[in-house]
């Protein structure tokens, strides 16, 4: 148990730093680690607690950089999509949709690394569609940060605004979907409190450390890091879900 908690602390710190840098990563890294020991339903519910704490901390510290126009047009619909996706998760079959999400992320990463995404800027109803779609697939798959980052990449935001707006959107999605996950398997969380506490401490430490890296990154390098992270997440979702 002690070795598991030490490994969990290290992964949690890494996930917090990654999220500070690219706007997502806590759920992507922590969920499979916790699932190995406690099973996927309990892991999804357990991750919501450190995820919400780290997201709220990051949102508060980067609040001045949030693009409120994008947040209102994109974030609110993303939260609505996340709620619907969480409600429909058990009916639609999470495994298949997770692989679909992974394929979409791989295509998005290729578009960003190839420069195609920089030449496309969404307008009008497309903004709302991207927001709702990213939240919906995230609610269904239990992981929405990568697709959210992929959609936000089309808005041409700078590094700080990108992470801040992604974080604020993630906070809205968490508020919408977390009660659904906790209602489904929340009763199993009490025996997991040591792991939840360690994960929460780790993501907070990683969040504060990763913020220093974010503020020193030039936009071009930041864009490549985000695209690479999206691609790795997509590959893991495609290959890691039977």
Protein backbone atom coordinates (compact mmCIF):
# COMPACT_ATOMS: atom_id res chain seq x y z
CA UNK A 1 0.00 0.00 0.00
CA UNK A 2 2.82 2.41 0.89
CA UNK A 3 4.54 1.81 -2.45
CA UNK A 4 1.28 2.40 -4.27
CA UNK A 5 0.72 5.71 -2.46
CA UNK A 6 4.25 6.86 -3.27
CA UNK A 7 3.74 6.00 -6.94
CA UNK A 8 0.36 7.72 -6.87
CA UNK A 9 1.92 10.86 -5.38
CA UNK A 10 4.52 10.98 -8.17
CA UNK A 11 1.92 10.49 -10.92
CA UNK A 12 -0.38 13.06 -9.31
CA UNK A 13 2.42 15.66 -9.22
CA UNK A 14 3.24 14.94 -12.87
CA UNK A 15 -0.41 15.20 -13.85
CA UNK A 16 -0.81 18.53 -12.04
CA UNK A 17 2.27 19.96 -13.77
CA UNK A 18 1.04 18.66 -17.14
CA UNK A 19 -2.36 20.26 -16.64
CA UNK A 20 -0.74 23.59 -15.76
CA UNK A 21 1.26 23.39 -18.97
CA UNK A 22 -1.30 22.19 -21.52
CA UNK A 23 -4.67 22.60 -19.78
CA UNK A 24 -5.44 18.91 -19.17
CA UNK A 25 -3.84 15.69 -17.95
CA UNK A 26 -5.01 15.01 -14.39
CA UNK A 27 -7.80 12.62 -15.31
CA UNK A 28 -5.79 11.11 -18.16
CA UNK A 29 -2.88 10.10 -15.91
CA UNK A 30 -4.53 9.46 -12.54
CA UNK A 31 -7.57 7.47 -13.67
CA UNK A 32 -5.69 4.44 -15.06
CA UNK A 33 -3.38 4.33 -12.01
CA UNK A 34 -6.29 4.28 -9.57
CA UNK A 35 -8.23 1.87 -11.79
CA UNK A 36 -5.45 -0.71 -11.51
CA UNK A 37 -6.13 -1.00 -7.78
CA UNK A 38 -9.76 0.02 -7.28
CA UNK A 39 -11.48 -0.57 -10.64
CA UNK A 40 -12.62 1.96 -13.23
CA UNK A 41 -15.98 3.11 -11.72
CA UNK A 42 -14.38 3.94 -8.37
CA UNK A 43 -11.36 5.50 -10.06
CA UNK A 44 -13.49 7.87 -12.16
CA UNK A 45 -15.33 9.04 -9.04
CA UNK A 46 -12.15 9.31 -6.95
CA UNK A 47 -10.32 11.40 -9.55
CA UNK A 48 -13.07 14.01 -9.55
CA UNK A 49 -11.94 15.25 -6.12
CA UNK A 50 -8.24 16.02 -6.85
CA UNK A 51 -9.25 17.13 -10.34
CA UNK A 52 -11.75 19.66 -8.99
CA UNK A 53 -9.31 20.96 -6.35
CA UNK A 54 -6.44 21.43 -8.82
CA UNK A 55 -8.71 22.93 -11.48
CA UNK A 56 -10.16 25.43 -9.02
CA UNK A 57 -6.66 26.40 -7.82
CA UNK A 58 -5.37 26.81 -11.38
CA UNK A 59 -8.47 28.77 -12.40
CA UNK A 60 -8.09 31.17 -9.47
CA UNK A 61 -4.40 31.80 -10.10
CA UNK A 62 -4.92 32.33 -13.86
CA UNK A 63 -8.28 34.11 -13.61
CA UNK A 64 -6.96 37.36 -15.12
CA UNK A 65 -5.97 35.52 -18.32
CA UNK A 66 -9.37 33.87 -18.97
CA UNK A 67 -10.86 34.85 -22.33
CA UNK A 68 -14.41 35.51 -21.16
CA UNK A 69 -15.87 35.72 -24.66
CA UNK A 70 -14.63 32.24 -25.52
CA UNK A 71 -15.66 30.97 -22.07
CA UNK A 72 -19.25 32.16 -22.49
CA UNK A 73 -19.61 30.94 -26.08
CA UNK A 74 -17.69 27.68 -25.63
CA UNK A 75 -17.55 26.81 -21.93
CA UNK A 76 -21.22 26.92 -21.00
CA UNK A 77 -22.22 24.61 -23.86
CA UNK A 78 -19.29 22.36 -23.01
CA UNK A 79 -20.66 22.01 -19.48
CA UNK A 80 -24.09 21.15 -20.89
CA UNK A 81 -22.55 18.53 -23.16
CA UNK A 82 -20.55 17.09 -20.26
CA UNK A 83 -23.69 16.68 -18.16
CA UNK A 84 -25.57 14.93 -20.99
CA UNK A 85 -22.60 12.69 -21.73
CA UNK A 86 -22.24 11.68 -18.08
CA UNK A 87 -25.95 10.84 -17.88
CA UNK A 88 -25.76 8.71 -21.04
CA UNK A 89 -22.38 7.07 -20.28
CA UNK A 90 -23.69 3.67 -19.19
CA UNK A 91 -26.23 3.49 -22.01
CA UNK A 92 -23.96 4.37 -24.91
CA UNK A 93 -21.03 2.12 -24.07
CA UNK A 94 -17.99 4.01 -22.84
CA UNK A 95 -15.38 1.70 -24.41
CA UNK A 96 -16.39 2.25 -28.02
CA UNK A 97 -16.89 5.98 -27.63
CA UNK A 98 -13.55 6.28 -25.84
CA UNK A 99 -11.83 4.78 -28.88
CA UNK A 100 -13.75 7.19 -31.14
CA UNK A 101 -12.58 10.06 -28.94
CA UNK A 102 -9.01 8.78 -29.22
CA UNK A 103 -9.25 8.72 -33.02
CA UNK A 104 -10.55 12.29 -33.07
CA UNK A 105 -7.68 13.42 -30.88
CA UNK A 106 -5.12 11.75 -33.15
CA UNK A 107 -6.58 13.54 -36.18
CA UNK A 108 -6.61 16.83 -34.29
CA UNK A 109 -2.98 16.43 -33.22
CA UNK A 110 -1.98 15.75 -36.82
CA UNK A 111 -3.84 18.86 -37.97
CA UNK A 112 -2.11 21.02 -35.37
CA UNK A 113 1.37 19.64 -35.97
CA UNK A 114 0.85 19.98 -39.74
CA UNK A 115 -0.25 23.61 -39.43
CA UNK A 116 -3.79 23.05 -40.74
CA UNK A 117 -5.47 24.07 -37.47
CA UNK A 118 -3.83 27.51 -37.51
CA UNK A 119 -5.57 28.33 -40.78
CA UNK A 120 -9.06 27.52 -39.47
CA UNK A 121 -10.98 29.72 -37.02
CA UNK A 122 -14.51 28.75 -35.94
CA UNK A 123 -17.36 31.26 -36.14
CA UNK A 124 -21.03 31.43 -35.20
CA UNK A 125 -22.79 28.17 -34.41
CA UNK A 126 -19.58 26.17 -34.94
CA UNK A 127 -18.19 27.59 -31.68
CA UNK A 128 -21.15 26.24 -29.72
CA UNK A 129 -21.02 22.91 -31.55
CA UNK A 130 -17.35 22.46 -30.66
CA UNK A 131 -18.04 23.31 -27.03
CA UNK A 132 -21.00 20.97 -26.70
CA UNK A 133 -19.25 18.17 -28.58
CA UNK A 134 -16.08 18.31 -26.50
CA UNK A 135 -18.09 18.26 -23.28
CA UNK A 136 -20.37 15.46 -24.47
CA UNK A 137 -17.59 13.11 -25.54
CA UNK A 138 -15.75 13.93 -22.34
CA UNK A 139 -18.78 13.11 -20.22
CA UNK A 140 -19.29 9.82 -22.04
CA UNK A 141 -15.62 8.81 -21.95
CA UNK A 142 -14.90 10.16 -18.48
CA UNK A 143 -12.10 12.28 -19.94
CA UNK A 144 -12.76 15.63 -21.57
CA UNK A 145 -9.56 17.66 -21.29
CA UNK A 146 -7.84 16.50 -24.46
CA UNK A 147 -10.77 17.12 -26.79
CA UNK A 148 -11.46 20.44 -25.08
CA UNK A 149 -7.86 21.48 -25.69
CA UNK A 150 -8.12 20.34 -29.29
CA UNK A 151 -11.23 22.46 -29.84
CA UNK A 152 -9.79 25.51 -28.06
CA UNK A 153 -6.69 25.28 -30.23
CA UNK A 154 -8.71 26.71 -33.12
CA UNK A 155 -9.27 30.03 -31.31
CA UNK A 156 -5.66 31.24 -31.55
CA UNK A 157 -5.28 31.95 -27.81
CA UNK A 158 -1.87 32.65 -26.27
CA UNK A 159 -0.40 30.14 -23.77
CA UNK A 160 -1.71 31.78 -20.58
CA UNK A 161 -5.16 32.54 -22.07
CA UNK A 162 -5.38 29.03 -23.54
CA UNK A 163 -4.68 27.27 -20.23
CA UNK A 164 -6.77 29.74 -18.22
CA UNK A 165 -9.80 29.45 -20.51
CA UNK A 166 -9.44 25.67 -20.76
CA UNK A 167 -9.23 25.49 -16.97
CA UNK A 168 -12.30 27.68 -16.46
CA UNK A 169 -14.20 25.53 -18.96
CA UNK A 170 -13.04 22.39 -17.17
CA UNK A 171 -14.31 23.82 -13.89
CA UNK A 172 -17.77 24.32 -15.42
CA UNK A 173 -17.74 20.78 -16.82
CA UNK A 174 -16.64 19.39 -13.44
CA UNK A 175 -19.51 21.19 -11.73
CA UNK A 176 -21.94 19.62 -14.21
CA UNK A 177 -20.66 16.03 -14.41
CA UNK A 178 -19.10 15.35 -10.98
CA UNK A 179 -22.45 14.99 -9.14
CA UNK A 180 -23.49 12.37 -11.70
CA UNK A 181 -20.32 10.31 -11.23
CA UNK A 182 -20.50 10.61 -7.44
CA UNK A 183 -24.16 9.56 -7.48
CA UNK A 184 -23.27 6.43 -9.45
CA UNK A 185 -20.37 5.15 -7.31
CA UNK A 186 -19.88 7.74 -4.56
CA UNK A 187 -20.51 5.20 -1.79
CA UNK A 188 -17.29 3.39 -2.65
CA UNK A 189 -15.07 6.43 -1.99
CA UNK A 190 -14.83 6.36 1.82
CA UNK A 191 -12.32 3.44 1.96
CA UNK A 192 -10.26 5.24 -0.70
CA UNK A 193 -9.68 8.40 1.36
CA UNK A 194 -5.88 7.87 1.80
CA UNK A 195 -5.41 7.56 -1.96
CA UNK A 196 -7.68 10.55 -2.63
CA UNK A 197 -5.79 12.67 -0.09
CA UNK A 198 -2.38 11.72 -1.55
CA UNK A 199 -3.58 12.38 -5.10
CA UNK A 200 -4.97 15.76 -4.08
CA UNK A 201 -1.71 16.81 -2.42
CA UNK A 202 0.26 15.67 -5.46
CA UNK A 203 -1.83 17.54 -8.03
CA UNK A 204 -1.69 20.74 -5.98
CA UNK A 205 2.11 20.56 -5.78
CA UNK A 206 2.37 19.76 -9.49
CA UNK A 207 0.00 22.58 -10.39
CA UNK A 208 2.14 25.16 -8.61
CA UNK A 209 5.36 23.81 -10.16
CA UNK A 210 3.96 23.56 -13.69
CA UNK A 211 2.72 27.13 -13.62
CA UNK A 212 6.31 28.40 -13.64
CA UNK A 213 7.01 26.48 -16.86
CA UNK A 214 3.85 27.79 -18.54
CA UNK A 215 4.69 31.46 -18.03
CA UNK A 216 8.08 31.08 -19.72
CA UNK A 217 6.97 29.28 -22.91
CA UNK A 218 6.86 31.00 -26.33
CA UNK A 219 3.55 30.47 -28.23
CA UNK A 220 4.99 28.28 -31.02
CA UNK A 221 6.66 25.83 -28.66
CA UNK A 222 3.56 25.80 -26.47
CA UNK A 223 1.41 24.89 -29.48
CA UNK A 224 3.66 21.96 -30.37
CA UNK A 225 3.58 20.70 -26.78
CA UNK A 226 -0.22 20.84 -26.71
CA UNK A 227 -0.51 19.03 -30.06
CA UNK A 228 1.92 16.32 -28.94
CA UNK A 229 0.04 15.87 -25.65
CA UNK A 230 -3.27 15.57 -27.52
CA UNK A 231 -1.77 12.97 -29.85
CA UNK A 232 -0.33 10.89 -26.97
CA UNK A 233 -3.65 10.97 -25.16
CA UNK A 234 -5.46 9.91 -28.33
CA UNK A 235 -3.03 7.03 -28.85
CA UNK A 236 -3.52 5.87 -25.27
CA UNK A 237 -7.32 6.00 -25.60
CA UNK A 238 -7.24 3.98 -28.84
CA UNK A 239 -4.74 1.33 -27.72
CA UNK A 240 -5.46 1.18 -24.02
CA UNK A 241 -9.19 0.47 -24.12
CA UNK A 242 -10.18 -3.04 -25.26
